[in-house]
Amino acid sequence: MQTREKRGEGRDERRGEREEREERVERREERVKRREKRIERRRKRREKRGREEREEKRENEKVEERGEEREKKREEMR
């Protein structure tokens, strides 16, 4: 009888260890998912900021070109 009880206790202990291990794995997976989401958000923000900066640069170049064209027209008018 005692050996069965011991085996049963061992099984319970192993089951508890397995459950703990599974919980640790789940927590690790959740951490990884949160980290990946955080990295993805940063990447999107960087891309958006880069896109906005390029757009702003293009606009500034257009404004400069218009100013230069006006300057040329003024020179031609004189």
PDB file of N, CA and C in Angstrom:
ATOM      1  N   MET A   1       0.815  -1.204   0.000  1.00  0.00           N
ATOM      2  CA  MET A   1       0.000   0.000   0.000  1.00  0.00           C
ATOM      3  C   MET A   1       0.857   1.265   0.000  1.00  0.00           C
ATOM      4  N   GLN A   2       1.868   1.226   0.813  1.00  0.00           N
ATOM      5  CA  GLN A   2       2.689   2.430   0.917  1.00  0.00           C
ATOM      6  C   GLN A   2       3.352   2.778  -0.420  1.00  0.00           C
ATOM      7  N   THR A   3       3.767   1.771  -1.134  1.00  0.00           N
ATOM      8  CA  THR A   3       4.431   2.060  -2.412  1.00  0.00           C
ATOM      9  C   THR A   3       3.478   2.734  -3.392  1.00  0.00           C
ATOM     10  N   ARG A   4       2.222   2.304  -3.411  1.00  0.00           N
ATOM     11  CA  ARG A   4       1.248   2.951  -4.298  1.00  0.00           C
ATOM     12  C   ARG A   4       1.064   4.409  -3.908  1.00  0.00           C
ATOM     13  N   GLU A   5       0.947   4.652  -2.616  1.00  0.00           N
ATOM     14  CA  GLU A   5       0.780   6.032  -2.164  1.00  0.00           C
ATOM     15  C   GLU A   5       1.979   6.863  -2.580  1.00  0.00           C
ATOM     16  N   LYS A   6       3.142   6.279  -2.432  1.00  0.00           N
ATOM     17  CA  LYS A   6       4.346   7.013  -2.817  1.00  0.00           C
ATOM     18  C   LYS A   6       4.330   7.292  -4.319  1.00  0.00           C
ATOM     19  N   ARG A   7       3.961   6.277  -5.085  1.00  0.00           N
ATOM     20  CA  ARG A   7       3.899   6.495  -6.531  1.00  0.00           C
ATOM     21  C   ARG A   7       2.864   7.561  -6.867  1.00  0.00           C
ATOM     22  N   GLY A   8       1.738   7.524  -6.216  1.00  0.00           N
ATOM     23  CA  GLY A   8       0.693   8.521  -6.436  1.00  0.00           C
ATOM     24  C   GLY A   8       1.181   9.914  -6.085  1.00  0.00           C
ATOM     25  N   GLU A   9       1.876  10.018  -4.966  1.00  0.00           N
ATOM     26  CA  GLU A   9       2.408  11.325  -4.578  1.00  0.00           C
ATOM     27  C   GLU A   9       3.407  11.810  -5.614  1.00  0.00           C
ATOM     28  N   GLY A  10       4.225  10.885  -6.078  1.00  0.00           N
ATOM     29  CA  GLY A  10       5.204  11.252  -7.103  1.00  0.00           C
ATOM     30  C   GLY A  10       4.522  11.767  -8.353  1.00  0.00           C
ATOM     31  N   ARG A  11       3.434  11.098  -8.715  1.00  0.00           N
ATOM     32  CA  ARG A  11       2.693  11.531  -9.892  1.00  0.00           C
ATOM     33  C   ARG A  11       2.125  12.930  -9.678  1.00  0.00           C
ATOM     34  N   ASP A  12       1.565  13.166  -8.501  1.00  0.00           N
ATOM     35  CA  ASP A  12       1.028  14.493  -8.195  1.00  0.00           C
ATOM     36  C   ASP A  12       2.125  15.542  -8.257  1.00  0.00           C
ATOM     37  N   GLU A  13       3.284  15.199  -7.702  1.00  0.00           N
ATOM     38  CA  GLU A  13       4.391  16.155  -7.735  1.00  0.00           C
ATOM     39  C   GLU A  13       4.804  16.439  -9.169  1.00  0.00           C
ATOM     40  N   ARG A  14       4.898  15.384  -9.963  1.00  0.00           N
ATOM     41  CA  ARG A  14       5.283  15.585 -11.367  1.00  0.00           C
ATOM     42  C   ARG A  14       4.230  16.403 -12.098  1.00  0.00           C
ATOM     43  N   ARG A  15       2.956  16.146 -11.782  1.00  0.00           N
ATOM     44  CA  ARG A  15       1.874  16.904 -12.416  1.00  0.00           C
ATOM     45  C   ARG A  15       2.006  18.379 -12.031  1.00  0.00           C
ATOM     46  N   GLY A  16       2.281  18.632 -10.758  1.00  0.00           N
ATOM     47  CA  GLY A  16       2.459  20.011 -10.306  1.00  0.00           C
ATOM     48  C   GLY A  16       3.636  20.676 -10.998  1.00  0.00           C
ATOM     49  N   GLU A  17       4.728  19.932 -11.129  1.00  0.00           N
ATOM     50  CA  GLU A  17       5.899  20.475 -11.817  1.00  0.00           C
ATOM     51  C   GLU A  17       5.576  20.759 -13.280  1.00  0.00           C
ATOM     52  N   ARG A  18       4.828  19.849 -13.891  1.00  0.00           N
ATOM     53  CA  ARG A  18       4.456  20.031 -15.296  1.00  0.00           C
ATOM     54  C   ARG A  18       3.593  21.286 -15.434  1.00  0.00           C
ATOM     55  N   GLU A  19       2.629  21.444 -14.526  1.00  0.00           N
ATOM     56  CA  GLU A  19       1.762  22.628 -14.582  1.00  0.00           C
ATOM     57  C   GLU A  19       2.572  23.899 -14.395  1.00  0.00           C
ATOM     58  N   GLU A  20       3.519  23.877 -13.453  1.00  0.00           N
ATOM     59  CA  GLU A  20       4.365  25.054 -13.248  1.00  0.00           C
ATOM     60  C   GLU A  20       5.167  25.356 -14.508  1.00  0.00           C
ATOM     61  N   ARG A  21       5.709  24.312 -15.105  1.00  0.00           N
ATOM     62  CA  ARG A  21       6.506  24.484 -16.322  1.00  0.00           C
ATOM     63  C   ARG A  21       5.632  25.064 -17.435  1.00  0.00           C
ATOM     64  N   GLU A  22       4.410  24.533 -17.567  1.00  0.00           N
ATOM     65  CA  GLU A  22       3.494  25.050 -18.593  1.00  0.00           C
ATOM     66  C   GLU A  22       3.156  26.512 -18.342  1.00  0.00           C
ATOM     67  N   GLU A  23       2.953  26.879 -17.082  1.00  0.00           N
ATOM     68  CA  GLU A  23       2.663  28.274 -16.752  1.00  0.00           C
ATOM     69  C   GLU A  23       3.845  29.166 -17.106  1.00  0.00           C
ATOM     70  N   ARG A  24       5.055  28.683 -16.802  1.00  0.00           N
ATOM     71  CA  ARG A  24       6.247  29.475 -17.140  1.00  0.00           C
ATOM     72  C   ARG A  24       6.346  29.665 -18.649  1.00  0.00           C
ATOM     73  N   VAL A  25       6.064  28.601 -19.386  1.00  0.00           N
ATOM     74  CA  VAL A  25       6.113  28.678 -20.850  1.00  0.00           C
ATOM     75  C   VAL A  25       5.075  29.685 -21.348  1.00  0.00           C
ATOM     76  N   GLU A  26       3.861  29.623 -20.796  1.00  0.00           N
ATOM     77  CA  GLU A  26       2.805  30.556 -21.211  1.00  0.00           C
ATOM     78  C   GLU A  26       3.200  31.993 -20.912  1.00  0.00           C
ATOM     79  N   ARG A  27       3.751  32.229 -19.719  1.00  0.00           N
ATOM     80  CA  ARG A  27       4.171  33.594 -19.369  1.00  0.00           C
ATOM     81  C   ARG A  27       5.271  34.077 -20.308  1.00  0.00           C
ATOM     82  N   ARG A  28       6.199  33.184 -20.622  1.00  0.00           N
ATOM     83  CA  ARG A  28       7.284  33.546 -21.544  1.00  0.00           C
ATOM     84  C   ARG A  28       6.707  33.897 -22.908  1.00  0.00           C
ATOM     85  N   GLU A  29       5.756  33.087 -23.387  1.00  0.00           N
ATOM     86  CA  GLU A  29       5.142  33.360 -24.692  1.00  0.00           C
ATOM     87  C   GLU A  29       4.416  34.699 -24.681  1.00  0.00           C
ATOM     88  N   GLU A  30       3.733  35.012 -23.579  1.00  0.00           N
ATOM     89  CA  GLU A  30       3.039  36.298 -23.475  1.00  0.00           C
ATOM     90  C   GLU A  30       4.042  37.446 -23.508  1.00  0.00           C
ATOM     91  N   ARG A  31       5.160  37.280 -22.788  1.00  0.00           N
ATOM     92  CA  ARG A  31       6.191  38.325 -22.796  1.00  0.00           C
ATOM     93  C   ARG A  31       6.733  38.531 -24.204  1.00  0.00           C
ATOM     94  N   VAL A  32       6.970  37.436 -24.898  1.00  0.00           N
ATOM     95  CA  VAL A  32       7.492  37.518 -26.263  1.00  0.00           C
ATOM     96  C   VAL A  32       6.489  38.241 -27.159  1.00  0.00           C
ATOM     97  N   LYS A  33       5.208  37.907 -27.034  1.00  0.00           N
ATOM     98  CA  LYS A  33       4.181  38.565 -27.859  1.00  0.00           C
ATOM     99  C   LYS A  33       4.137  40.064 -27.581  1.00  0.00           C
ATOM    100  N   ARG A  34       4.158  40.427 -26.287  1.00  0.00           N
ATOM    101  CA  ARG A  34       4.133  41.854 -25.943  1.00  0.00           C
ATOM    102  C   ARG A  34       5.359  42.566 -26.509  1.00  0.00           C
ATOM    103  N   ARG A  35       6.507  41.903 -26.407  1.00  0.00           N
ATOM    104  CA  ARG A  35       7.750  42.491 -26.921  1.00  0.00           C
ATOM    105  C   ARG A  35       7.646  42.679 -28.433  1.00  0.00           C
ATOM    106  N   GLU A  36       7.150  41.667 -29.138  1.00  0.00           N
ATOM    107  CA  GLU A  36       7.012  41.772 -30.592  1.00  0.00           C
ATOM    108  C   GLU A  36       6.060  42.900 -30.976  1.00  0.00           C
ATOM    109  N   LYS A  37       4.952  43.030 -30.239  1.00  0.00           N
ATOM    110  CA  LYS A  37       4.006  44.108 -30.531  1.00  0.00           C
ATOM    111  C   LYS A  37       4.667  45.465 -30.320  1.00  0.00           C
ATOM    112  N   ARG A  38       5.426  45.583 -29.227  1.00  0.00           N
ATOM    113  CA  ARG A  38       6.107  46.839 -28.914  1.00  0.00           C
ATOM    114  C   ARG A  38       7.100  47.182 -30.031  1.00  0.00           C
ATOM    115  N   ILE A  39       7.855  46.194 -30.463  1.00  0.00           N
ATOM    116  CA  ILE A  39       8.823  46.412 -31.540  1.00  0.00           C
ATOM    117  C   ILE A  39       8.105  46.825 -32.819  1.00  0.00           C
ATOM    118  N   GLU A  40       6.989  46.175 -33.126  1.00  0.00           N
ATOM    119  CA  GLU A  40       6.219  46.486 -34.336  1.00  0.00           C
ATOM    120  C   GLU A  40       5.680  47.920 -34.282  1.00  0.00           C
ATOM    121  N   ARG A  41       5.174  48.331 -33.111  1.00  0.00           N
ATOM    122  CA  ARG A  41       4.671  49.709 -32.973  1.00  0.00           C
ATOM    123  C   ARG A  41       5.801  50.712 -33.202  1.00  0.00           C
ATOM    124  N   ARG A  42       6.964  50.432 -32.621  1.00  0.00           N
ATOM    125  CA  ARG A  42       8.110  51.339 -32.820  1.00  0.00           C
ATOM    126  C   ARG A  42       8.482  51.426 -34.291  1.00  0.00           C
ATOM    127  N   ARG A  43       8.513  50.276 -34.974  1.00  0.00           N
ATOM    128  CA  ARG A  43       8.877  50.245 -36.389  1.00  0.00           C
ATOM    129  C   ARG A  43       7.888  51.079 -37.208  1.00  0.00           C
ATOM    130  N   LYS A  44       6.599  50.910 -36.917  1.00  0.00           N
ATOM    131  CA  LYS A  44       5.583  51.667 -37.655  1.00  0.00           C
ATOM    132  C   LYS A  44       5.734  53.163 -37.400  1.00  0.00           C
ATOM    133  N   ARG A  45       5.989  53.531 -36.137  1.00  0.00           N
ATOM    134  CA  ARG A  45       6.183  54.951 -35.826  1.00  0.00           C
ATOM    135  C   ARG A  45       7.378  55.515 -36.578  1.00  0.00           C
ATOM    136  N   ARG A  46       8.482  54.744 -36.602  1.00  0.00           N
ATOM    137  CA  ARG A  46       9.689  55.183 -37.317  1.00  0.00           C
ATOM    138  C   ARG A  46       9.397  55.370 -38.795  1.00  0.00           C
ATOM    139  N   GLU A  47       8.690  54.400 -39.388  1.00  0.00           N
ATOM    140  CA  GLU A  47       8.359  54.496 -40.812  1.00  0.00           C
ATOM    141  C   GLU A  47       7.489  55.716 -41.080  1.00  0.00           C
ATOM    142  N   LYS A  48       6.508  55.933 -40.221  1.00  0.00           N
ATOM    143  CA  LYS A  48       5.606  57.070 -40.401  1.00  0.00           C
ATOM    144  C   LYS A  48       6.382  58.378 -40.298  1.00  0.00           C
ATOM    145  N   ARG A  49       7.260  58.461 -39.287  1.00  0.00           N
ATOM    146  CA  ARG A  49       8.051  59.670 -39.101  1.00  0.00           C
ATOM    147  C   ARG A  49       8.950  59.896 -40.319  1.00  0.00           C
ATOM    148  N   GLY A  50       9.563  58.833 -40.820  1.00  0.00           N
ATOM    149  CA  GLY A  50      10.422  58.951 -41.998  1.00  0.00           C
ATOM    150  C   GLY A  50       9.635  59.414 -43.211  1.00  0.00           C
ATOM    151  N   ARG A  51       8.444  58.851 -43.378  1.00  0.00           N
ATOM    152  CA  ARG A  51       7.581  59.229 -44.500  1.00  0.00           C
ATOM    153  C   ARG A  51       7.220  60.710 -44.393  1.00  0.00           C
ATOM    154  N   GLU A  52       6.849  61.150 -43.192  1.00  0.00           N
ATOM    155  CA  GLU A  52       6.470  62.550 -42.994  1.00  0.00           C
ATOM    156  C   GLU A  52       7.648  63.476 -43.257  1.00  0.00           C
ATOM    157  N   GLU A  53       8.844  63.063 -42.814  1.00  0.00           N
ATOM    158  CA  GLU A  53      10.028  63.897 -43.039  1.00  0.00           C
ATOM    159  C   GLU A  53      10.340  64.006 -44.528  1.00  0.00           C
ATOM    160  N   ARG A  54      10.240  62.896 -45.260  1.00  0.00           N
ATOM    161  CA  ARG A  54      10.496  62.937 -46.709  1.00  0.00           C
ATOM    162  C   ARG A  54       9.476  63.832 -47.408  1.00  0.00           C
ATOM    163  N   GLU A  55       8.209  63.714 -46.978  1.00  0.00           N
ATOM    164  CA  GLU A  55       7.151  64.528 -47.574  1.00  0.00           C
ATOM    165  C   GLU A  55       7.417  66.012 -47.314  1.00  0.00           C
ATOM    166  N   GLU A  56       7.800  66.327 -46.082  1.00  0.00           N
ATOM    167  CA  GLU A  56       8.081  67.719 -45.727  1.00  0.00           C
ATOM    168  C   GLU A  56       9.264  68.245 -46.544  1.00  0.00           C
ATOM    169  N   LYS A  57      10.281  67.415 -46.706  1.00  0.00           N
ATOM    170  CA  LYS A  57      11.455  67.813 -47.484  1.00  0.00           C
ATOM    171  C   LYS A  57      11.058  68.107 -48.928  1.00  0.00           C
ATOM    172  N   ARG A  58      10.204  67.236 -49.495  1.00  0.00           N
ATOM    173  CA  ARG A  58       9.730  67.433 -50.868  1.00  0.00           C
ATOM    174  C   ARG A  58       8.967  68.754 -50.992  1.00  0.00           C
ATOM    175  N   GLU A  59       8.110  69.023 -50.007  1.00  0.00           N
ATOM    176  CA  GLU A  59       7.339  70.274 -50.023  1.00  0.00           C
ATOM    177  C   GLU A  59       8.275  71.477 -49.979  1.00  0.00           C
ATOM    178  N   ASN A  60       9.274  71.413 -49.112  1.00  0.00           N
ATOM    179  CA  ASN A  60      10.226  72.523 -48.999  1.00  0.00           C
ATOM    180  C   ASN A  60      10.975  72.735 -50.314  1.00  0.00           C
ATOM    181  N   GLU A  61      11.341  71.642 -50.986  1.00  0.00           N
ATOM    182  CA  GLU A  61      12.033  71.759 -52.269  1.00  0.00           C
ATOM    183  C   GLU A  61      11.128  72.415 -53.304  1.00  0.00           C
ATOM    184  N   LYS A  62       9.848  72.049 -53.309  1.00  0.00           N
ATOM    185  CA  LYS A  62       8.902  72.646 -54.254  1.00  0.00           C
ATOM    186  C   LYS A  62       8.791  74.146 -54.006  1.00  0.00           C
ATOM    187  N   VAL A  63       8.674  74.525 -52.738  1.00  0.00           N
ATOM    188  CA  VAL A  63       8.551  75.941 -52.388  1.00  0.00           C
ATOM    189  C   VAL A  63       9.803  76.686 -52.837  1.00  0.00           C
ATOM    190  N   GLU A  64      10.970  76.067 -52.622  1.00  0.00           N
ATOM    191  CA  GLU A  64      12.226  76.693 -53.040  1.00  0.00           C
ATOM    192  C   GLU A  64      12.252  76.886 -54.550  1.00  0.00           C
ATOM    193  N   GLU A  65      11.836  75.856 -55.295  1.00  0.00           N
ATOM    194  CA  GLU A  65      11.830  75.947 -56.754  1.00  0.00           C
ATOM    195  C   GLU A  65      10.913  77.070 -57.214  1.00  0.00           C
ATOM    196  N   ARG A  66       9.740  77.171 -56.604  1.00  0.00           N
ATOM    197  CA  ARG A  66       8.803  78.240 -56.975  1.00  0.00           C
ATOM    198  C   ARG A  66       9.436  79.602 -56.716  1.00  0.00           C
ATOM    199  N   GLY A  67      10.108  79.718 -55.593  1.00  0.00           N
ATOM    200  CA  GLY A  67      10.772  80.984 -55.262  1.00  0.00           C
ATOM    201  C   GLY A  67      11.849  81.319 -56.279  1.00  0.00           C
ATOM    202  N   GLU A  68      12.613  80.306 -56.696  1.00  0.00           N
ATOM    203  CA  GLU A  68      13.665  80.531 -57.689  1.00  0.00           C
ATOM    204  C   GLU A  68      13.058  80.930 -59.027  1.00  0.00           C
ATOM    205  N   GLU A  69      11.935  80.298 -59.398  1.00  0.00           N
ATOM    206  CA  GLU A  69      11.278  80.639 -60.660  1.00  0.00           C
ATOM    207  C   GLU A  69      10.786  82.083 -60.622  1.00  0.00           C
ATOM    208  N   ARG A  70      10.216  82.490 -59.511  1.00  0.00           N
ATOM    209  CA  ARG A  70       9.741  83.873 -59.375  1.00  0.00           C
ATOM    210  C   ARG A  70      10.911  84.844 -59.497  1.00  0.00           C
ATOM    211  N   GLU A  71      12.025  84.459 -58.877  1.00  0.00           N
ATOM    212  CA  GLU A  71      13.217  85.309 -58.921  1.00  0.00           C
ATOM    213  C   GLU A  71      13.695  85.463 -60.369  1.00  0.00           C
ATOM    214  N   LYS A  72      13.698  84.363 -61.129  1.00  0.00           N
ATOM    215  CA  LYS A  72      14.122  84.414 -62.531  1.00  0.00           C
ATOM    216  C   LYS A  72      13.190  85.325 -63.328  1.00  0.00           C
ATOM    217  N   LYS A  73      11.874  85.192 -63.101  1.00  0.00           N
ATOM    218  CA  LYS A  73      10.905  86.018 -63.826  1.00  0.00           C
ATOM    219  C   LYS A  73      11.136  87.492 -63.526  1.00  0.00           C
ATOM    220  N   ARG A  74      11.423  87.804 -62.262  1.00  0.00           N
ATOM    221  CA  ARG A  74      11.688  89.202 -61.893  1.00  0.00           C
ATOM    222  C   ARG A  74      12.915  89.725 -62.627  1.00  0.00           C
ATOM    223  N   GLU A  75      13.952  88.878 -62.684  1.00  0.00           N
ATOM    224  CA  GLU A  75      15.179  89.280 -63.370  1.00  0.00           C
ATOM    225  C   GLU A  75      14.902  89.517 -64.856  1.00  0.00           C
ATOM    226  N   GLU A  76      14.078  88.639 -65.452  1.00  0.00           N
ATOM    227  CA  GLU A  76      13.763  88.776 -66.871  1.00  0.00           C
ATOM    228  C   GLU A  76      12.938  90.032 -67.127  1.00  0.00           C
ATOM    229  N   MET A  77      12.088  90.396 -66.181  1.00  0.00           N
ATOM    230  CA  MET A  77      11.230  91.562 -66.345  1.00  0.00           C
ATOM    231  C   MET A  77      12.063  92.841 -66.340  1.00  0.00           C
ATOM    232  N   ARG A  78      13.175  92.836 -65.663  1.00  0.00           N
ATOM    233  CA  ARG A  78      13.984  94.061 -65.559  1.00  0.00           C
ATOM    234  C   ARG A  78      14.720  94.364 -66.799  1.00  0.00           C
TER     235      ARG A  78
END
